[in-house]
Amino acid sequence: MNSSGRCRLSTGRSPIAARTFPICRPSAGHALIPALDQTRTVGLVTLPGAYVGVLLGGAGPIQAGMTQVLVLIGLLAAEAVSILVTVQLVAAGKLSRAE
């Protein structure tokens, strides 16, 4: 184990987490790229139906826009939390590739 692995062990990480986090962390960042790309383009393509639906439901344009932003933030938060949980499960050794 290299010196950074020993450093992580000395801070109380388990041996599995000390070896796994340096590998999983960059992959977790790359896994978030499609979600961020979708968030960037979603206002033009994906959710105009929600905006129009809120407008037809009787809300004003500001409320419809706020609803659309709330949905976008919720989607991005759910994707970020799922990536975080997956990294934690891999680090704990409870999730691995099928053999």
PDB file of N, CA and C in Angstrom:
ATOM      1  N   MET A   1       0.857  -1.174   0.000  1.00  0.00           N
ATOM      2  CA  MET A   1       0.000   0.000   0.000  1.00  0.00           C
ATOM      3  C   MET A   1       0.898   1.230   0.000  1.00  0.00           C
ATOM      4  N   ASN A   2       0.549   2.218  -0.774  1.00  0.00           N
ATOM      5  CA  ASN A   2       1.374   3.431  -0.860  1.00  0.00           C
ATOM      6  C   ASN A   2       1.149   4.334   0.352  1.00  0.00           C
ATOM      7  N   SER A   3       1.884   5.430   0.401  1.00  0.00           N
ATOM      8  CA  SER A   3       1.825   6.305   1.572  1.00  0.00           C
ATOM      9  C   SER A   3       0.463   6.970   1.724  1.00  0.00           C
ATOM     10  N   SER A   4      -0.221   7.288   0.604  1.00  0.00           N
ATOM     11  CA  SER A   4      -1.541   7.903   0.737  1.00  0.00           C
ATOM     12  C   SER A   4      -2.544   6.899   1.290  1.00  0.00           C
ATOM     13  N   GLY A   5      -2.370   5.628   0.949  1.00  0.00           N
ATOM     14  CA  GLY A   5      -3.239   4.596   1.514  1.00  0.00           C
ATOM     15  C   GLY A   5      -3.020   4.444   3.005  1.00  0.00           C
ATOM     16  N   ARG A   6      -1.746   4.505   3.442  1.00  0.00           N
ATOM     17  CA  ARG A   6      -1.453   4.443   4.878  1.00  0.00           C
ATOM     18  C   ARG A   6      -2.013   5.664   5.596  1.00  0.00           C
ATOM     19  N   CYS A   7      -1.983   6.817   4.933  1.00  0.00           N
ATOM     20  CA  CYS A   7      -2.531   8.028   5.532  1.00  0.00           C
ATOM     21  C   CYS A   7      -4.033   7.876   5.751  1.00  0.00           C
ATOM     22  N   ARG A   8      -4.721   7.304   4.757  1.00  0.00           N
ATOM     23  CA  ARG A   8      -6.163   7.102   4.916  1.00  0.00           C
ATOM     24  C   ARG A   8      -6.440   6.080   6.010  1.00  0.00           C
ATOM     25  N   LEU A   9      -5.599   5.064   6.130  1.00  0.00           N
ATOM     26  CA  LEU A   9      -5.773   4.097   7.218  1.00  0.00           C
ATOM     27  C   LEU A   9      -5.565   4.757   8.567  1.00  0.00           C
ATOM     28  N   SER A  10      -4.599   5.665   8.664  1.00  0.00           N
ATOM     29  CA  SER A  10      -4.316   6.306   9.945  1.00  0.00           C
ATOM     30  C   SER A  10      -5.421   7.263  10.373  1.00  0.00           C
ATOM     31  N   THR A  11      -6.280   7.680   9.442  1.00  0.00           N
ATOM     32  CA  THR A  11      -7.393   8.558   9.810  1.00  0.00           C
ATOM     33  C   THR A  11      -8.646   7.775  10.164  1.00  0.00           C
ATOM     34  N   GLY A  12      -8.522   6.446  10.224  1.00  0.00           N
ATOM     35  CA  GLY A  12      -9.637   5.636  10.684  1.00  0.00           C
ATOM     36  C   GLY A  12     -10.433   4.961   9.591  1.00  0.00           C
ATOM     37  N   ARG A  13     -10.023   5.069   8.355  1.00  0.00           N
ATOM     38  CA  ARG A  13     -10.737   4.372   7.277  1.00  0.00           C
ATOM     39  C   ARG A  13     -10.443   2.882   7.339  1.00  0.00           C
ATOM     40  N   SER A  14     -11.394   2.100   6.901  1.00  0.00           N
ATOM     41  CA  SER A  14     -11.156   0.664   6.826  1.00  0.00           C
ATOM     42  C   SER A  14     -10.186   0.380   5.684  1.00  0.00           C
ATOM     43  N   PRO A  15      -9.531  -0.762   5.700  1.00  0.00           N
ATOM     44  CA  PRO A  15      -8.610  -1.076   4.600  1.00  0.00           C
ATOM     45  C   PRO A  15      -9.291  -1.089   3.238  1.00  0.00           C
ATOM     46  N   ILE A  16     -10.523  -1.564   3.192  1.00  0.00           N
ATOM     47  CA  ILE A  16     -11.254  -1.581   1.912  1.00  0.00           C
ATOM     48  C   ILE A  16     -11.509  -0.162   1.446  1.00  0.00           C
ATOM     49  N   ALA A  17     -11.968   0.706   2.329  1.00  0.00           N
ATOM     50  CA  ALA A  17     -12.237   2.095   1.946  1.00  0.00           C
ATOM     51  C   ALA A  17     -10.956   2.821   1.574  1.00  0.00           C
ATOM     52  N   ALA A  18      -9.863   2.512   2.263  1.00  0.00           N
ATOM     53  CA  ALA A  18      -8.589   3.173   1.955  1.00  0.00           C
ATOM     54  C   ALA A  18      -8.104   2.814   0.559  1.00  0.00           C
ATOM     55  N   ARG A  19      -8.403   1.603   0.099  1.00  0.00           N
ATOM     56  CA  ARG A  19      -8.006   1.203  -1.249  1.00  0.00           C
ATOM     57  C   ARG A  19      -9.026   1.613  -2.297  1.00  0.00           C
ATOM     58  N   THR A  20     -10.299   1.669  -1.956  1.00  0.00           N
ATOM     59  CA  THR A  20     -11.365   1.849  -2.935  1.00  0.00           C
ATOM     60  C   THR A  20     -11.635   3.314  -3.257  1.00  0.00           C
ATOM     61  N   PHE A  21     -11.614   4.214  -2.287  1.00  0.00           N
ATOM     62  CA  PHE A  21     -11.979   5.606  -2.532  1.00  0.00           C
ATOM     63  C   PHE A  21     -11.136   6.285  -3.612  1.00  0.00           C
ATOM     64  N   PRO A  22      -9.817   6.073  -3.664  1.00  0.00           N
ATOM     65  CA  PRO A  22      -9.064   6.727  -4.739  1.00  0.00           C
ATOM     66  C   PRO A  22      -9.484   6.256  -6.131  1.00  0.00           C
ATOM     67  N   ILE A  23     -10.021   5.050  -6.215  1.00  0.00           N
ATOM     68  CA  ILE A  23     -10.472   4.523  -7.499  1.00  0.00           C
ATOM     69  C   ILE A  23     -11.885   4.992  -7.811  1.00  0.00           C
ATOM     70  N   CYS A  24     -12.757   4.994  -6.820  1.00  0.00           N
ATOM     71  CA  CYS A  24     -14.173   5.308  -7.036  1.00  0.00           C
ATOM     72  C   CYS A  24     -14.446   6.799  -7.192  1.00  0.00           C
ATOM     73  N   ARG A  25     -13.690   7.621  -6.511  1.00  0.00           N
ATOM     74  CA  ARG A  25     -13.986   9.053  -6.508  1.00  0.00           C
ATOM     75  C   ARG A  25     -13.938   9.679  -7.899  1.00  0.00           C
ATOM     76  N   PRO A  26     -12.909   9.442  -8.722  1.00  0.00           N
ATOM     77  CA  PRO A  26     -12.930  10.019 -10.075  1.00  0.00           C
ATOM     78  C   PRO A  26     -14.077   9.471 -10.922  1.00  0.00           C
ATOM     79  N   SER A  27     -14.386   8.189 -10.746  1.00  0.00           N
ATOM     80  CA  SER A  27     -15.496   7.603 -11.506  1.00  0.00           C
ATOM     81  C   SER A  27     -16.821   8.226 -11.103  1.00  0.00           C
ATOM     82  N   ALA A  28     -16.971   8.542  -9.819  1.00  0.00           N
ATOM     83  CA  ALA A  28     -18.208   9.179  -9.363  1.00  0.00           C
ATOM     84  C   ALA A  28     -18.362  10.557  -9.990  1.00  0.00           C
ATOM     85  N   GLY A  29     -17.272  11.290 -10.106  1.00  0.00           N
ATOM     86  CA  GLY A  29     -17.334  12.596 -10.763  1.00  0.00           C
ATOM     87  C   GLY A  29     -17.713  12.476 -12.224  1.00  0.00           C
ATOM     88  N   HIS A  30     -17.173  11.460 -12.886  1.00  0.00           N
ATOM     89  CA  HIS A  30     -17.510  11.253 -14.294  1.00  0.00           C
ATOM     90  C   HIS A  30     -18.955  10.779 -14.456  1.00  0.00           C
ATOM     91  N   ALA A  31     -19.480  10.066 -13.475  1.00  0.00           N
ATOM     92  CA  ALA A  31     -20.861   9.592 -13.555  1.00  0.00           C
ATOM     93  C   ALA A  31     -21.860  10.735 -13.465  1.00  0.00           C
ATOM     94  N   LEU A  32     -21.445  11.853 -12.906  1.00  0.00           N
ATOM     95  CA  LEU A  32     -22.347  12.998 -12.773  1.00  0.00           C
ATOM     96  C   LEU A  32     -22.410  13.854 -14.034  1.00  0.00           C
ATOM     97  N   ILE A  33     -21.504  13.636 -14.971  1.00  0.00           N
ATOM     98  CA  ILE A  33     -21.472  14.456 -16.188  1.00  0.00           C
ATOM     99  C   ILE A  33     -22.767  14.364 -16.994  1.00  0.00           C
ATOM    100  N   PRO A  34     -23.346  13.165 -17.252  1.00  0.00           N
ATOM    101  CA  PRO A  34     -24.614  13.142 -18.002  1.00  0.00           C
ATOM    102  C   PRO A  34     -25.744  13.878 -17.291  1.00  0.00           C
ATOM    103  N   ALA A  35     -25.794  13.800 -15.969  1.00  0.00           N
ATOM    104  CA  ALA A  35     -26.842  14.507 -15.229  1.00  0.00           C
ATOM    105  C   ALA A  35     -26.678  16.014 -15.362  1.00  0.00           C
ATOM    106  N   LEU A  36     -25.446  16.495 -15.276  1.00  0.00           N
ATOM    107  CA  LEU A  36     -25.212  17.930 -15.435  1.00  0.00           C
ATOM    108  C   LEU A  36     -25.511  18.388 -16.862  1.00  0.00           C
ATOM    109  N   ASP A  37     -25.183  17.558 -17.843  1.00  0.00           N
ATOM    110  CA  ASP A  37     -25.470  17.898 -19.235  1.00  0.00           C
ATOM    111  C   ASP A  37     -26.974  17.944 -19.472  1.00  0.00           C
ATOM    112  N   GLN A  38     -27.697  16.996 -18.892  1.00  0.00           N
ATOM    113  CA  GLN A  38     -29.159  16.995 -19.027  1.00  0.00           C
ATOM    114  C   GLN A  38     -29.756  18.234 -18.371  1.00  0.00           C
ATOM    115  N   THR A  39     -29.236  18.624 -17.225  1.00  0.00           N
ATOM    116  CA  THR A  39     -29.739  19.800 -16.529  1.00  0.00           C
ATOM    117  C   THR A  39     -29.504  21.059 -17.358  1.00  0.00           C
ATOM    118  N   ARG A  40     -28.399  21.096 -18.068  1.00  0.00           N
ATOM    119  CA  ARG A  40     -28.083  22.268 -18.886  1.00  0.00           C
ATOM    120  C   ARG A  40     -29.061  22.421 -20.048  1.00  0.00           C
ATOM    121  N   THR A  41     -29.491  21.320 -20.642  1.00  0.00           N
ATOM    122  CA  THR A  41     -30.351  21.394 -21.823  1.00  0.00           C
ATOM    123  C   THR A  41     -31.818  21.154 -21.530  1.00  0.00           C
ATOM    124  N   VAL A  42     -32.177  20.820 -20.325  1.00  0.00           N
ATOM    125  CA  VAL A  42     -33.539  20.377 -20.031  1.00  0.00           C
ATOM    126  C   VAL A  42     -34.573  21.483 -20.187  1.00  0.00           C
ATOM    127  N   GLY A  43     -34.211  22.711 -19.957  1.00  0.00           N
ATOM    128  CA  GLY A  43     -35.182  23.798 -20.076  1.00  0.00           C
ATOM    129  C   GLY A  43     -35.683  23.996 -21.483  1.00  0.00           C
ATOM    130  N   LEU A  44     -34.897  23.614 -22.463  1.00  0.00           N
ATOM    131  CA  LEU A  44     -35.294  23.781 -23.853  1.00  0.00           C
ATOM    132  C   LEU A  44     -36.033  22.584 -24.405  1.00  0.00           C
ATOM    133  N   VAL A  45     -35.743  21.392 -23.895  1.00  0.00           N
ATOM    134  CA  VAL A  45     -36.235  20.195 -24.554  1.00  0.00           C
ATOM    135  C   VAL A  45     -37.172  19.367 -23.683  1.00  0.00           C
ATOM    136  N   THR A  46     -36.761  19.046 -22.471  1.00  0.00           N
ATOM    137  CA  THR A  46     -37.425  17.993 -21.709  1.00  0.00           C
ATOM    138  C   THR A  46     -38.666  18.446 -20.944  1.00  0.00           C
ATOM    139  N   LEU A  47     -38.600  19.557 -20.241  1.00  0.00           N
ATOM    140  CA  LEU A  47     -39.679  19.914 -19.325  1.00  0.00           C
ATOM    141  C   LEU A  47     -40.614  21.044 -19.750  1.00  0.00           C
ATOM    142  N   PRO A  48     -40.658  21.472 -21.001  1.00  0.00           N
ATOM    143  CA  PRO A  48     -41.641  22.507 -21.324  1.00  0.00           C
ATOM    144  C   PRO A  48     -43.074  22.061 -21.057  1.00  0.00           C
ATOM    145  N   GLY A  49     -43.306  20.744 -21.124  1.00  0.00           N
ATOM    146  CA  GLY A  49     -44.649  20.237 -20.823  1.00  0.00           C
ATOM    147  C   GLY A  49     -45.050  20.516 -19.390  1.00  0.00           C
ATOM    148  N   ALA A  50     -44.108  20.401 -18.466  1.00  0.00           N
ATOM    149  CA  ALA A  50     -44.399  20.708 -17.062  1.00  0.00           C
ATOM    150  C   ALA A  50     -44.694  22.184 -16.894  1.00  0.00           C
ATOM    151  N   TYR A  51     -43.932  23.014 -17.590  1.00  0.00           N
ATOM    152  CA  TYR A  51     -44.136  24.462 -17.515  1.00  0.00           C
ATOM    153  C   TYR A  51     -45.533  24.808 -18.027  1.00  0.00           C
ATOM    154  N   VAL A  52     -45.883  24.267 -19.190  1.00  0.00           N
ATOM    155  CA  VAL A  52     -47.209  24.540 -19.774  1.00  0.00           C
ATOM    156  C   VAL A  52     -48.305  23.959 -18.900  1.00  0.00           C
ATOM    157  N   GLY A  53     -48.064  22.786 -18.325  1.00  0.00           N
ATOM    158  CA  GLY A  53     -49.070  22.177 -17.453  1.00  0.00           C
ATOM    159  C   GLY A  53     -49.356  23.019 -16.225  1.00  0.00           C
ATOM    160  N   VAL A  54     -48.323  23.586 -15.635  1.00  0.00           N
ATOM    161  CA  VAL A  54     -48.518  24.450 -14.471  1.00  0.00           C
ATOM    162  C   VAL A  54     -49.241  25.726 -14.892  1.00  0.00           C
ATOM    163  N   LEU A  55     -48.889  26.251 -16.064  1.00  0.00           N
ATOM    164  CA  LEU A  55     -49.596  27.442 -16.566  1.00  0.00           C
ATOM    165  C   LEU A  55     -51.064  27.152 -16.792  1.00  0.00           C
ATOM    166  N   LEU A  56     -51.366  26.026 -17.423  1.00  0.00           N
ATOM    167  CA  LEU A  56     -52.766  25.662 -17.669  1.00  0.00           C
ATOM    168  C   LEU A  56     -53.508  25.350 -16.383  1.00  0.00           C
ATOM    169  N   GLY A  57     -52.772  24.972 -15.350  1.00  0.00           N
ATOM    170  CA  GLY A  57     -53.379  24.706 -14.055  1.00  0.00           C
ATOM    171  C   GLY A  57     -53.758  25.971 -13.299  1.00  0.00           C
ATOM    172  N   GLY A  58     -53.386  27.129 -13.828  1.00  0.00           N
ATOM    173  CA  GLY A  58     -53.807  28.374 -13.223  1.00  0.00           C
ATOM    174  C   GLY A  58     -52.699  29.163 -12.548  1.00  0.00           C
ATOM    175  N   ALA A  59     -51.502  28.671 -12.572  1.00  0.00           N
ATOM    176  CA  ALA A  59     -50.395  29.401 -11.942  1.00  0.00           C
ATOM    177  C   ALA A  59     -49.839  30.432 -12.916  1.00  0.00           C
ATOM    178  N   GLY A  60     -49.113  31.379 -12.389  1.00  0.00           N
ATOM    179  CA  GLY A  60     -48.487  32.398 -13.217  1.00  0.00           C
ATOM    180  C   GLY A  60     -47.172  31.901 -13.801  1.00  0.00           C
ATOM    181  N   PRO A  61     -46.620  32.684 -14.714  1.00  0.00           N
ATOM    182  CA  PRO A  61     -45.369  32.247 -15.346  1.00  0.00           C
ATOM    183  C   PRO A  61     -44.189  32.147 -14.377  1.00  0.00           C
ATOM    184  N   ILE A  62     -44.142  32.976 -13.360  1.00  0.00           N
ATOM    185  CA  ILE A  62     -43.059  32.907 -12.374  1.00  0.00           C
ATOM    186  C   ILE A  62     -43.167  31.609 -11.572  1.00  0.00           C
ATOM    187  N   GLN A  63     -44.384  31.275 -11.164  1.00  0.00           N
ATOM    188  CA  GLN A  63     -44.581  30.038 -10.414  1.00  0.00           C
ATOM    189  C   GLN A  63     -44.271  28.819 -11.272  1.00  0.00           C
ATOM    190  N   ALA A  64     -44.635  28.877 -12.553  1.00  0.00           N
ATOM    191  CA  ALA A  64     -44.342  27.765 -13.453  1.00  0.00           C
ATOM    192  C   ALA A  64     -42.831  27.605 -13.623  1.00  0.00           C
ATOM    193  N   GLY A  65     -42.126  28.713 -13.759  1.00  0.00           N
ATOM    194  CA  GLY A  65     -40.668  28.655 -13.872  1.00  0.00           C
ATOM    195  C   GLY A  65     -40.026  28.136 -12.601  1.00  0.00           C
ATOM    196  N   MET A  66     -40.537  28.571 -11.450  1.00  0.00           N
ATOM    197  CA  MET A  66     -40.006  28.085 -10.175  1.00  0.00           C
ATOM    198  C   MET A  66     -40.259  26.590 -10.014  1.00  0.00           C
ATOM    199  N   THR A  67     -41.411  26.121 -10.473  1.00  0.00           N
ATOM    200  CA  THR A  67     -41.708  24.691 -10.418  1.00  0.00           C
ATOM    201  C   THR A  67     -40.746  23.909 -11.284  1.00  0.00           C
ATOM    202  N   GLN A  68     -40.450  24.433 -12.468  1.00  0.00           N
ATOM    203  CA  GLN A  68     -39.519  23.764 -13.370  1.00  0.00           C
ATOM    204  C   GLN A  68     -38.116  23.704 -12.766  1.00  0.00           C
ATOM    205  N   VAL A  69     -37.676  24.784 -12.141  1.00  0.00           N
ATOM    206  CA  VAL A  69     -36.360  24.796 -11.489  1.00  0.00           C
ATOM    207  C   VAL A  69     -36.332  23.818 -10.320  1.00  0.00           C
ATOM    208  N   LEU A  70     -37.422  23.745  -9.559  1.00  0.00           N
ATOM    209  CA  LEU A  70     -37.508  22.812  -8.438  1.00  0.00           C
ATOM    210  C   LEU A  70     -37.398  21.368  -8.925  1.00  0.00           C
ATOM    211  N   VAL A  71     -38.054  21.050 -10.033  1.00  0.00           N
ATOM    212  CA  VAL A  71     -37.966  19.704 -10.591  1.00  0.00           C
ATOM    213  C   VAL A  71     -36.538  19.404 -11.036  1.00  0.00           C
ATOM    214  N   LEU A  72     -35.879  20.371 -11.665  1.00  0.00           N
ATOM    215  CA  LEU A  72     -34.497  20.172 -12.107  1.00  0.00           C
ATOM    216  C   LEU A  72     -33.561  19.929 -10.927  1.00  0.00           C
ATOM    217  N   ILE A  73     -33.718  20.709  -9.881  1.00  0.00           N
ATOM    218  CA  ILE A  73     -32.873  20.549  -8.697  1.00  0.00           C
ATOM    219  C   ILE A  73     -33.137  19.200  -8.038  1.00  0.00           C
ATOM    220  N   GLY A  74     -34.395  18.789  -7.992  1.00  0.00           N
ATOM    221  CA  GLY A  74     -34.732  17.484  -7.423  1.00  0.00           C
ATOM    222  C   GLY A  74     -34.121  16.336  -8.198  1.00  0.00           C
ATOM    223  N   LEU A  75     -34.171  16.419  -9.534  1.00  0.00           N
ATOM    224  CA  LEU A  75     -33.561  15.372 -10.364  1.00  0.00           C
ATOM    225  C   LEU A  75     -32.054  15.306 -10.156  1.00  0.00           C
ATOM    226  N   LEU A  76     -31.412  16.454 -10.152  1.00  0.00           N
ATOM    227  CA  LEU A  76     -29.968  16.490  -9.971  1.00  0.00           C
ATOM    228  C   LEU A  76     -29.572  16.005  -8.573  1.00  0.00           C
ATOM    229  N   ALA A  77     -30.337  16.363  -7.571  1.00  0.00           N
ATOM    230  CA  ALA A  77     -30.044  15.909  -6.206  1.00  0.00           C
ATOM    231  C   ALA A  77     -30.204  14.398  -6.084  1.00  0.00           C
ATOM    232  N   ALA A  78     -31.251  13.848  -6.694  1.00  0.00           N
ATOM    233  CA  ALA A  78     -31.461  12.398  -6.636  1.00  0.00           C
ATOM    234  C   ALA A  78     -30.324  11.652  -7.326  1.00  0.00           C
ATOM    235  N   GLU A  79     -29.856  12.172  -8.457  1.00  0.00           N
ATOM    236  CA  GLU A  79     -28.753  11.523  -9.157  1.00  0.00           C
ATOM    237  C   GLU A  79     -27.459  11.620  -8.347  1.00  0.00           C
ATOM    238  N   ALA A  80     -27.214  12.748  -7.717  1.00  0.00           N
ATOM    239  CA  ALA A  80     -26.003  12.907  -6.910  1.00  0.00           C
ATOM    240  C   ALA A  80     -26.029  11.996  -5.688  1.00  0.00           C
ATOM    241  N   VAL A  81     -27.176  11.874  -5.048  1.00  0.00           N
ATOM    242  CA  VAL A  81     -27.287  11.005  -3.872  1.00  0.00           C
ATOM    243  C   VAL A  81     -27.114   9.542  -4.271  1.00  0.00           C
ATOM    244  N   SER A  82     -27.668   9.145  -5.414  1.00  0.00           N
ATOM    245  CA  SER A  82     -27.516   7.755  -5.839  1.00  0.00           C
ATOM    246  C   SER A  82     -26.051   7.429  -6.146  1.00  0.00           C
ATOM    247  N   ILE A  83     -25.311   8.379  -6.715  1.00  0.00           N
ATOM    248  CA  ILE A  83     -23.885   8.158  -6.960  1.00  0.00           C
ATOM    249  C   ILE A  83     -23.134   8.052  -5.637  1.00  0.00           C
ATOM    250  N   LEU A  84     -23.459   8.906  -4.681  1.00  0.00           N
ATOM    251  CA  LEU A  84     -22.806   8.869  -3.372  1.00  0.00           C
ATOM    252  C   LEU A  84     -23.060   7.543  -2.664  1.00  0.00           C
ATOM    253  N   VAL A  85     -24.297   7.072  -2.699  1.00  0.00           N
ATOM    254  CA  VAL A  85     -24.636   5.798  -2.057  1.00  0.00           C
ATOM    255  C   VAL A  85     -23.898   4.644  -2.736  1.00  0.00           C
ATOM    256  N   THR A  86     -23.820   4.680  -4.061  1.00  0.00           N
ATOM    257  CA  THR A  86     -23.114   3.622  -4.781  1.00  0.00           C
ATOM    258  C   THR A  86     -21.636   3.591  -4.410  1.00  0.00           C
ATOM    259  N   VAL A  87     -20.998   4.747  -4.325  1.00  0.00           N
ATOM    260  CA  VAL A  87     -19.584   4.799  -3.940  1.00  0.00           C
ATOM    261  C   VAL A  87     -19.400   4.266  -2.519  1.00  0.00           C
ATOM    262  N   GLN A  88     -20.287   4.616  -1.617  1.00  0.00           N
ATOM    263  CA  GLN A  88     -20.186   4.119  -0.239  1.00  0.00           C
ATOM    264  C   GLN A  88     -20.363   2.606  -0.181  1.00  0.00           C
ATOM    265  N   LEU A  89     -21.298   2.063  -0.966  1.00  0.00           N
ATOM    266  CA  LEU A  89     -21.503   0.616  -0.975  1.00  0.00           C
ATOM    267  C   LEU A  89     -20.313  -0.117  -1.574  1.00  0.00           C
ATOM    268  N   VAL A  90     -19.721   0.449  -2.616  1.00  0.00           N
ATOM    269  CA  VAL A  90     -18.528  -0.167  -3.200  1.00  0.00           C
ATOM    270  C   VAL A  90     -17.379  -0.126  -2.201  1.00  0.00           C
ATOM    271  N   ALA A  91     -17.216   0.996  -1.524  1.00  0.00           N
ATOM    272  CA  ALA A  91     -16.126   1.125  -0.553  1.00  0.00           C
ATOM    273  C   ALA A  91     -16.303   0.167   0.621  1.00  0.00           C
ATOM    274  N   ALA A  92     -17.546  -0.101   0.986  1.00  0.00           N
ATOM    275  CA  ALA A  92     -17.801  -1.024   2.091  1.00  0.00           C
ATOM    276  C   ALA A  92     -17.714  -2.475   1.658  1.00  0.00           C
ATOM    277  N   GLY A  93     -17.579  -2.724   0.363  1.00  0.00           N
ATOM    278  CA  GLY A  93     -17.480  -4.095  -0.133  1.00  0.00           C
ATOM    279  C   GLY A  93     -18.808  -4.791  -0.268  1.00  0.00           C
ATOM    280  N   LYS A  94     -19.907  -4.037  -0.196  1.00  0.00           N
ATOM    281  CA  LYS A  94     -21.240  -4.649  -0.283  1.00  0.00           C
ATOM    282  C   LYS A  94     -21.812  -4.642  -1.697  1.00  0.00           C
ATOM    283  N   LEU A  95     -21.090  -3.992  -2.606  1.00  0.00           N
ATOM    284  CA  LEU A  95     -21.531  -3.933  -3.999  1.00  0.00           C
ATOM    285  C   LEU A  95     -20.305  -4.152  -4.881  1.00  0.00           C
ATOM    286  N   SER A  96     -20.401  -5.143  -5.728  1.00  0.00           N
ATOM    287  CA  SER A  96     -19.276  -5.439  -6.622  1.00  0.00           C
ATOM    288  C   SER A  96     -19.815  -5.974  -7.926  1.00  0.00           C
ATOM    289  N   ARG A  97     -18.935  -6.136  -8.894  1.00  0.00           N
ATOM    290  CA  ARG A  97     -19.341  -6.689 -10.166  1.00  0.00           C
ATOM    291  C   ARG A  97     -19.716  -8.153 -10.010  1.00  0.00           C
ATOM    292  N   ALA A  98     -20.634  -8.593 -10.867  1.00  0.00           N
ATOM    293  CA  ALA A  98     -21.015 -10.022 -10.844  1.00  0.00           C
ATOM    294  C   ALA A  98     -19.824 -10.854 -11.295  1.00  0.00           C
ATOM    295  N   GLU A  99     -19.627 -11.951 -10.628  1.00  0.00           N
ATOM    296  CA  GLU A  99     -18.476 -12.800 -10.971  1.00  0.00           C
ATOM    297  C   GLU A  99     -18.828 -13.789 -12.048  1.00  0.00           C
TER     298      GLU A  99
END
